[in-house]
Amino acid sequence: MINSLSADLNVMRPSMVETGLEPISYNLNRKNKDLLFFELGKTYNTAGVGNYSENEHLHYILPGKVGQLTGNQTSER
């Protein structure tokens, strides 16, 4: 890309995995567990010069104990 804001932003992403792993790593390093992340976004691919494709994705990551993620969590004392 011409005039990108930084060297990290000079290409259009072919995959959403890398951008999904960054917040996971950040939170796990701070002992935050049982996380649920999602991202709506686009990826870009090419099969040669002039043959480009843009695809929309829903990317979700569920690290931790997924069985404990419920909307009705109550604690009895």
PDB file of N, CA and C in Angstrom:
ATOM      1  N   MET A   1       0.835  -1.173   0.000  1.00  0.00           N
ATOM      2  CA  MET A   1       0.000   0.000   0.000  1.00  0.00           C
ATOM      3  C   MET A   1       0.884   1.241   0.000  1.00  0.00           C
ATOM      4  N   ILE A   2       0.452   2.245  -0.674  1.00  0.00           N
ATOM      5  CA  ILE A   2       1.174   3.513  -0.720  1.00  0.00           C
ATOM      6  C   ILE A   2       0.701   4.369   0.454  1.00  0.00           C
ATOM      7  N   ASN A   3       1.612   5.075   1.112  1.00  0.00           N
ATOM      8  CA  ASN A   3       1.306   5.980   2.228  1.00  0.00           C
ATOM      9  C   ASN A   3       0.677   5.283   3.433  1.00  0.00           C
ATOM     10  N   SER A   4       1.187   4.115   3.792  1.00  0.00           N
ATOM     11  CA  SER A   4       0.653   3.432   4.969  1.00  0.00           C
ATOM     12  C   SER A   4       1.099   4.166   6.235  1.00  0.00           C
ATOM     13  N   LEU A   5       0.348   3.974   7.323  1.00  0.00           N
ATOM     14  CA  LEU A   5       0.650   4.663   8.571  1.00  0.00           C
ATOM     15  C   LEU A   5       1.901   4.115   9.252  1.00  0.00           C
ATOM     16  N   SER A   6       2.187   2.829   9.060  1.00  0.00           N
ATOM     17  CA  SER A   6       3.386   2.231   9.639  1.00  0.00           C
ATOM     18  C   SER A   6       3.807   1.037   8.796  1.00  0.00           C
ATOM     19  N   ALA A   7       4.979   0.494   9.101  1.00  0.00           N
ATOM     20  CA  ALA A   7       5.464  -0.669   8.353  1.00  0.00           C
ATOM     21  C   ALA A   7       4.573  -1.887   8.586  1.00  0.00           C
ATOM     22  N   ASP A   8       3.917  -1.960   9.747  1.00  0.00           N
ATOM     23  CA  ASP A   8       3.008  -3.070  10.035  1.00  0.00           C
ATOM     24  C   ASP A   8       1.723  -2.999   9.224  1.00  0.00           C
ATOM     25  N   LEU A   9       1.394  -1.823   8.736  1.00  0.00           N
ATOM     26  CA  LEU A   9       0.134  -1.628   8.014  1.00  0.00           C
ATOM     27  C   LEU A   9       0.330  -1.464   6.509  1.00  0.00           C
ATOM     28  N   ASN A  10       1.451  -1.925   5.966  1.00  0.00           N
ATOM     29  CA  ASN A  10       1.706  -1.703   4.549  1.00  0.00           C
ATOM     30  C   ASN A  10       1.173  -2.818   3.655  1.00  0.00           C
ATOM     31  N   VAL A  11       0.544  -3.845   4.221  1.00  0.00           N
ATOM     32  CA  VAL A  11      -0.074  -4.908   3.431  1.00  0.00           C
ATOM     33  C   VAL A  11      -1.494  -5.120   3.916  1.00  0.00           C
ATOM     34  N   MET A  12      -2.334  -5.616   3.040  1.00  0.00           N
ATOM     35  CA  MET A  12      -3.702  -5.946   3.412  1.00  0.00           C
ATOM     36  C   MET A  12      -3.698  -7.380   3.923  1.00  0.00           C
ATOM     37  N   ARG A  13      -4.379  -7.646   5.010  1.00  0.00           N
ATOM     38  CA  ARG A  13      -4.230  -8.930   5.692  1.00  0.00           C
ATOM     39  C   ARG A  13      -4.864 -10.086   4.925  1.00  0.00           C
ATOM     40  N   PRO A  14      -4.108 -11.166   4.764  1.00  0.00           N
ATOM     41  CA  PRO A  14      -4.643 -12.361   4.119  1.00  0.00           C
ATOM     42  C   PRO A  14      -5.350 -13.287   5.103  1.00  0.00           C
ATOM     43  N   SER A  15      -5.168 -13.065   6.417  1.00  0.00           N
ATOM     44  CA  SER A  15      -5.749 -13.938   7.433  1.00  0.00           C
ATOM     45  C   SER A  15      -6.085 -13.115   8.672  1.00  0.00           C
ATOM     46  N   MET A  16      -7.089 -13.563   9.430  1.00  0.00           N
ATOM     47  CA  MET A  16      -7.473 -12.875  10.654  1.00  0.00           C
ATOM     48  C   MET A  16      -6.842 -13.512  11.890  1.00  0.00           C
ATOM     49  N   VAL A  17      -6.086 -14.572  11.721  1.00  0.00           N
ATOM     50  CA  VAL A  17      -5.509 -15.286  12.861  1.00  0.00           C
ATOM     51  C   VAL A  17      -4.542 -14.404  13.637  1.00  0.00           C
ATOM     52  N   GLU A  18      -3.642 -13.728  12.955  1.00  0.00           N
ATOM     53  CA  GLU A  18      -2.637 -12.924  13.635  1.00  0.00           C
ATOM     54  C   GLU A  18      -3.259 -11.806  14.464  1.00  0.00           C
ATOM     55  N   THR A  19      -4.258 -11.133  13.939  1.00  0.00           N
ATOM     56  CA  THR A  19      -4.887 -10.047  14.687  1.00  0.00           C
ATOM     57  C   THR A  19      -5.726 -10.575  15.841  1.00  0.00           C
ATOM     58  N   GLY A  20      -6.156 -11.818  15.771  1.00  0.00           N
ATOM     59  CA  GLY A  20      -6.905 -12.422  16.868  1.00  0.00           C
ATOM     60  C   GLY A  20      -6.022 -12.903  17.997  1.00  0.00           C
ATOM     61  N   LEU A  21      -4.801 -13.304  17.688  1.00  0.00           N
ATOM     62  CA  LEU A  21      -3.900 -13.825  18.711  1.00  0.00           C
ATOM     63  C   LEU A  21      -3.298 -12.733  19.589  1.00  0.00           C
ATOM     64  N   GLU A  22      -3.189 -11.532  19.071  1.00  0.00           N
ATOM     65  CA  GLU A  22      -2.584 -10.436  19.843  1.00  0.00           C
ATOM     66  C   GLU A  22      -3.363 -10.108  21.117  1.00  0.00           C
ATOM     67  N   PRO A  23      -4.691  -9.884  21.082  1.00  0.00           N
ATOM     68  CA  PRO A  23      -5.407  -9.607  22.342  1.00  0.00           C
ATOM     69  C   PRO A  23      -5.477 -10.827  23.261  1.00  0.00           C
ATOM     70  N   ILE A  24      -5.458 -12.025  22.694  1.00  0.00           N
ATOM     71  CA  ILE A  24      -5.449 -13.235  23.519  1.00  0.00           C
ATOM     72  C   ILE A  24      -4.162 -13.287  24.320  1.00  0.00           C
ATOM     73  N   SER A  25      -3.039 -13.074  23.665  1.00  0.00           N
ATOM     74  CA  SER A  25      -1.738 -13.077  24.329  1.00  0.00           C
ATOM     75  C   SER A  25      -1.678 -12.005  25.414  1.00  0.00           C
ATOM     76  N   TYR A  26      -2.172 -10.823  25.110  1.00  0.00           N
ATOM     77  CA  TYR A  26      -2.168  -9.720  26.064  1.00  0.00           C
ATOM     78  C   TYR A  26      -2.921 -10.107  27.338  1.00  0.00           C
ATOM     79  N   ASN A  27      -4.118 -10.668  27.182  1.00  0.00           N
ATOM     80  CA  ASN A  27      -4.952 -11.005  28.335  1.00  0.00           C
ATOM     81  C   ASN A  27      -4.423 -12.205  29.105  1.00  0.00           C
ATOM     82  N   LEU A  28      -3.932 -13.226  28.426  1.00  0.00           N
ATOM     83  CA  LEU A  28      -3.399 -14.390  29.123  1.00  0.00           C
ATOM     84  C   LEU A  28      -2.137 -14.048  29.903  1.00  0.00           C
ATOM     85  N   ASN A  29      -1.328 -13.132  29.408  1.00  0.00           N
ATOM     86  CA  ASN A  29      -0.145 -12.688  30.145  1.00  0.00           C
ATOM     87  C   ASN A  29      -0.499 -11.932  31.418  1.00  0.00           C
ATOM     88  N   ARG A  30      -1.715 -11.427  31.517  1.00  0.00           N
ATOM     89  CA  ARG A  30      -2.178 -10.712  32.702  1.00  0.00           C
ATOM     90  C   ARG A  30      -3.133 -11.552  33.533  1.00  0.00           C
ATOM     91  N   LYS A  31      -3.083 -12.863  33.328  1.00  0.00           N
ATOM     92  CA  LYS A  31      -3.855 -13.852  34.102  1.00  0.00           C
ATOM     93  C   LYS A  31      -5.360 -13.720  33.919  1.00  0.00           C
ATOM     94  N   ASN A  32      -5.806 -13.138  32.809  1.00  0.00           N
ATOM     95  CA  ASN A  32      -7.230 -13.111  32.476  1.00  0.00           C
ATOM     96  C   ASN A  32      -7.543 -14.383  31.704  1.00  0.00           C
ATOM     97  N   LYS A  33      -8.435 -15.188  32.224  1.00  0.00           N
ATOM     98  CA  LYS A  33      -8.751 -16.474  31.603  1.00  0.00           C
ATOM     99  C   LYS A  33     -10.215 -16.523  31.217  1.00  0.00           C
ATOM    100  N   ASP A  34     -10.593 -17.613  30.587  1.00  0.00           N
ATOM    101  CA  ASP A  34     -11.976 -17.846  30.152  1.00  0.00           C
ATOM    102  C   ASP A  34     -12.496 -16.668  29.325  1.00  0.00           C
ATOM    103  N   LEU A  35     -11.834 -16.406  28.234  1.00  0.00           N
ATOM    104  CA  LEU A  35     -12.123 -15.262  27.383  1.00  0.00           C
ATOM    105  C   LEU A  35     -12.992 -15.653  26.199  1.00  0.00           C
ATOM    106  N   LEU A  36     -13.674 -14.699  25.645  1.00  0.00           N
ATOM    107  CA  LEU A  36     -14.472 -14.866  24.437  1.00  0.00           C
ATOM    108  C   LEU A  36     -14.250 -13.632  23.574  1.00  0.00           C
ATOM    109  N   PHE A  37     -13.618 -13.822  22.417  1.00  0.00           N
ATOM    110  CA  PHE A  37     -13.342 -12.722  21.494  1.00  0.00           C
ATOM    111  C   PHE A  37     -13.988 -13.003  20.153  1.00  0.00           C
ATOM    112  N   PHE A  38     -14.476 -11.963  19.493  1.00  0.00           N
ATOM    113  CA  PHE A  38     -14.923 -12.099  18.116  1.00  0.00           C
ATOM    114  C   PHE A  38     -14.528 -10.858  17.338  1.00  0.00           C
ATOM    115  N   GLU A  39     -14.443 -11.039  16.036  1.00  0.00           N
ATOM    116  CA  GLU A  39     -14.087  -9.929  15.156  1.00  0.00           C
ATOM    117  C   GLU A  39     -14.794 -10.113  13.827  1.00  0.00           C
ATOM    118  N   LEU A  40     -15.388  -9.068  13.332  1.00  0.00           N
ATOM    119  CA  LEU A  40     -15.933  -9.028  11.984  1.00  0.00           C
ATOM    120  C   LEU A  40     -14.939  -8.258  11.139  1.00  0.00           C
ATOM    121  N   GLY A  41     -14.536  -8.832  10.010  1.00  0.00           N
ATOM    122  CA  GLY A  41     -13.550  -8.146   9.202  1.00  0.00           C
ATOM    123  C   GLY A  41     -13.400  -8.736   7.822  1.00  0.00           C
ATOM    124  N   LYS A  42     -12.483  -8.160   7.084  1.00  0.00           N
ATOM    125  CA  LYS A  42     -12.234  -8.580   5.710  1.00  0.00           C
ATOM    126  C   LYS A  42     -10.811  -9.069   5.558  1.00  0.00           C
ATOM    127  N   THR A  43     -10.637 -10.041   4.672  1.00  0.00           N
ATOM    128  CA  THR A  43      -9.305 -10.495   4.273  1.00  0.00           C
ATOM    129  C   THR A  43      -9.189 -10.321   2.771  1.00  0.00           C
ATOM    130  N   TYR A  44      -7.945 -10.283   2.305  1.00  0.00           N
ATOM    131  CA  TYR A  44      -7.686 -10.006   0.897  1.00  0.00           C
ATOM    132  C   TYR A  44      -6.689 -11.027   0.352  1.00  0.00           C
ATOM    133  N   ASN A  45      -6.982 -11.569  -0.823  1.00  0.00           N
ATOM    134  CA  ASN A  45      -6.124 -12.564  -1.454  1.00  0.00           C
ATOM    135  C   ASN A  45      -5.932 -12.216  -2.924  1.00  0.00           C
ATOM    136  N   THR A  46      -4.902 -12.814  -3.501  1.00  0.00           N
ATOM    137  CA  THR A  46      -4.650 -12.625  -4.920  1.00  0.00           C
ATOM    138  C   THR A  46      -4.252 -13.945  -5.548  1.00  0.00           C
ATOM    139  N   ALA A  47      -4.691 -14.156  -6.758  1.00  0.00           N
ATOM    140  CA  ALA A  47      -4.305 -15.326  -7.544  1.00  0.00           C
ATOM    141  C   ALA A  47      -3.480 -14.876  -8.744  1.00  0.00           C
ATOM    142  N   GLY A  48      -2.879 -13.716  -8.638  1.00  0.00           N
ATOM    143  CA  GLY A  48      -2.082 -13.157  -9.728  1.00  0.00           C
ATOM    144  C   GLY A  48      -2.402 -11.690  -9.928  1.00  0.00           C
ATOM    145  N   VAL A  49      -1.647 -11.063 -10.780  1.00  0.00           N
ATOM    146  CA  VAL A  49      -1.837  -9.634 -11.037  1.00  0.00           C
ATOM    147  C   VAL A  49      -3.221  -9.397 -11.642  1.00  0.00           C
ATOM    148  N   GLY A  50      -3.978  -8.509 -11.016  1.00  0.00           N
ATOM    149  CA  GLY A  50      -5.306  -8.165 -11.507  1.00  0.00           C
ATOM    150  C   GLY A  50      -6.402  -9.117 -11.080  1.00  0.00           C
ATOM    151  N   ASN A  51      -6.074 -10.180 -10.351  1.00  0.00           N
ATOM    152  CA  ASN A  51      -7.063 -11.156  -9.906  1.00  0.00           C
ATOM    153  C   ASN A  51      -7.087 -11.149  -8.381  1.00  0.00           C
ATOM    154  N   TYR A  52      -7.826 -10.194  -7.793  1.00  0.00           N
ATOM    155  CA  TYR A  52      -7.864  -9.997  -6.356  1.00  0.00           C
ATOM    156  C   TYR A  52      -9.238 -10.370  -5.816  1.00  0.00           C
ATOM    157  N   SER A  53      -9.275 -10.792  -4.556  1.00  0.00           N
ATOM    158  CA  SER A  53     -10.560 -11.098  -3.929  1.00  0.00           C
ATOM    159  C   SER A  53     -10.598 -10.514  -2.525  1.00  0.00           C
ATOM    160  N   GLU A  54     -11.782 -10.079  -2.137  1.00  0.00           N
ATOM    161  CA  GLU A  54     -12.033  -9.536  -0.806  1.00  0.00           C
ATOM    162  C   GLU A  54     -13.120 -10.389  -0.172  1.00  0.00           C
ATOM    163  N   ASN A  55     -12.847 -10.930   1.020  1.00  0.00           N
ATOM    164  CA  ASN A  55     -13.787 -11.834   1.684  1.00  0.00           C
ATOM    165  C   ASN A  55     -14.120 -11.310   3.076  1.00  0.00           C
ATOM    166  N   GLU A  56     -15.398 -11.414   3.462  1.00  0.00           N
ATOM    167  CA  GLU A  56     -15.829 -11.014   4.797  1.00  0.00           C
ATOM    168  C   GLU A  56     -15.861 -12.244   5.695  1.00  0.00           C
ATOM    169  N   HIS A  57     -15.452 -12.056   6.971  1.00  0.00           N
ATOM    170  CA  HIS A  57     -15.357 -13.166   7.907  1.00  0.00           C
ATOM    171  C   HIS A  57     -15.894 -12.778   9.275  1.00  0.00           C
ATOM    172  N   LEU A  58     -16.347 -13.796   9.996  1.00  0.00           N
ATOM    173  CA  LEU A  58     -16.603 -13.707  11.425  1.00  0.00           C
ATOM    174  C   LEU A  58     -15.587 -14.627  12.065  1.00  0.00           C
ATOM    175  N   HIS A  59     -14.721 -14.073  12.882  1.00  0.00           N
ATOM    176  CA  HIS A  59     -13.633 -14.815  13.506  1.00  0.00           C
ATOM    177  C   HIS A  59     -13.869 -14.793  15.007  1.00  0.00           C
ATOM    178  N   TYR A  60     -13.935 -15.980  15.627  1.00  0.00           N
ATOM    179  CA  TYR A  60     -14.108 -16.018  17.070  1.00  0.00           C
ATOM    180  C   TYR A  60     -13.091 -16.959  17.698  1.00  0.00           C
ATOM    181  N   ILE A  61     -12.689 -16.620  18.920  1.00  0.00           N
ATOM    182  CA  ILE A  61     -11.699 -17.391  19.659  1.00  0.00           C
ATOM    183  C   ILE A  61     -12.236 -17.574  21.072  1.00  0.00           C
ATOM    184  N   LEU A  62     -12.193 -18.804  21.558  1.00  0.00           N
ATOM    185  CA  LEU A  62     -12.715 -19.135  22.880  1.00  0.00           C
ATOM    186  C   LEU A  62     -11.641 -19.814  23.726  1.00  0.00           C
ATOM    187  N   PRO A  63     -10.667 -19.090  24.233  1.00  0.00           N
ATOM    188  CA  PRO A  63      -9.686 -19.740  25.098  1.00  0.00           C
ATOM    189  C   PRO A  63     -10.237 -19.910  26.506  1.00  0.00           C
ATOM    190  N   GLY A  64      -9.796 -20.919  27.204  1.00  0.00           N
ATOM    191  CA  GLY A  64     -10.239 -21.142  28.575  1.00  0.00           C
ATOM    192  C   GLY A  64     -11.305 -22.208  28.639  1.00  0.00           C
ATOM    193  N   LYS A  65     -12.067 -22.199  29.715  1.00  0.00           N
ATOM    194  CA  LYS A  65     -13.100 -23.194  29.966  1.00  0.00           C
ATOM    195  C   LYS A  65     -14.406 -22.728  29.353  1.00  0.00           C
ATOM    196  N   VAL A  66     -14.706 -23.203  28.177  1.00  0.00           N
ATOM    197  CA  VAL A  66     -15.889 -22.749  27.439  1.00  0.00           C
ATOM    198  C   VAL A  66     -17.165 -23.184  28.137  1.00  0.00           C
ATOM    199  N   GLY A  67     -17.159 -24.335  28.792  1.00  0.00           N
ATOM    200  CA  GLY A  67     -18.359 -24.841  29.465  1.00  0.00           C
ATOM    201  C   GLY A  67     -18.854 -23.933  30.561  1.00  0.00           C
ATOM    202  N   GLN A  68     -18.011 -23.047  31.079  1.00  0.00           N
ATOM    203  CA  GLN A  68     -18.419 -22.151  32.146  1.00  0.00           C
ATOM    204  C   GLN A  68     -18.940 -20.814  31.625  1.00  0.00           C
ATOM    205  N   LEU A  69     -18.942 -20.604  30.335  1.00  0.00           N
ATOM    206  CA  LEU A  69     -19.440 -19.347  29.772  1.00  0.00           C
ATOM    207  C   LEU A  69     -20.943 -19.451  29.550  1.00  0.00           C
ATOM    208  N   THR A  70     -21.734 -19.047  30.524  1.00  0.00           N
ATOM    209  CA  THR A  70     -23.187 -19.042  30.402  1.00  0.00           C
ATOM    210  C   THR A  70     -23.713 -17.694  30.823  1.00  0.00           C
ATOM    211  N   GLY A  71     -24.883 -17.378  30.368  1.00  0.00           N
ATOM    212  CA  GLY A  71     -25.483 -16.093  30.709  1.00  0.00           C
ATOM    213  C   GLY A  71     -26.095 -16.068  32.092  1.00  0.00           C
ATOM    214  N   ASN A  72     -26.331 -17.217  32.693  1.00  0.00           N
ATOM    215  CA  ASN A  72     -27.005 -17.292  33.989  1.00  0.00           C
ATOM    216  C   ASN A  72     -26.043 -17.734  35.079  1.00  0.00           C
ATOM    217  N   GLN A  73     -24.953 -17.067  35.247  1.00  0.00           N
ATOM    218  CA  GLN A  73     -24.004 -17.423  36.287  1.00  0.00           C
ATOM    219  C   GLN A  73     -24.413 -16.765  37.584  1.00  0.00           C
ATOM    220  N   THR A  74     -24.671 -17.583  38.593  1.00  0.00           N
ATOM    221  CA  THR A  74     -25.017 -17.075  39.908  1.00  0.00           C
ATOM    222  C   THR A  74     -24.109 -17.727  40.927  1.00  0.00           C
ATOM    223  N   SER A  75     -23.916 -17.073  42.021  1.00  0.00           N
ATOM    224  CA  SER A  75     -23.097 -17.657  43.091  1.00  0.00           C
ATOM    225  C   SER A  75     -23.947 -17.721  44.355  1.00  0.00           C
ATOM    226  N   GLU A  76     -23.879 -18.869  45.009  1.00  0.00           N
ATOM    227  CA  GLU A  76     -24.610 -19.055  46.261  1.00  0.00           C
ATOM    228  C   GLU A  76     -23.625 -18.945  47.398  1.00  0.00           C
ATOM    229  N   ARG A  77     -24.002 -18.266  48.460  1.00  0.00           N
ATOM    230  CA  ARG A  77     -23.126 -18.110  49.624  1.00  0.00           C
ATOM    231  C   ARG A  77     -23.813 -18.602  50.852  1.00  0.00           C
TER     232      ARG A  77
END
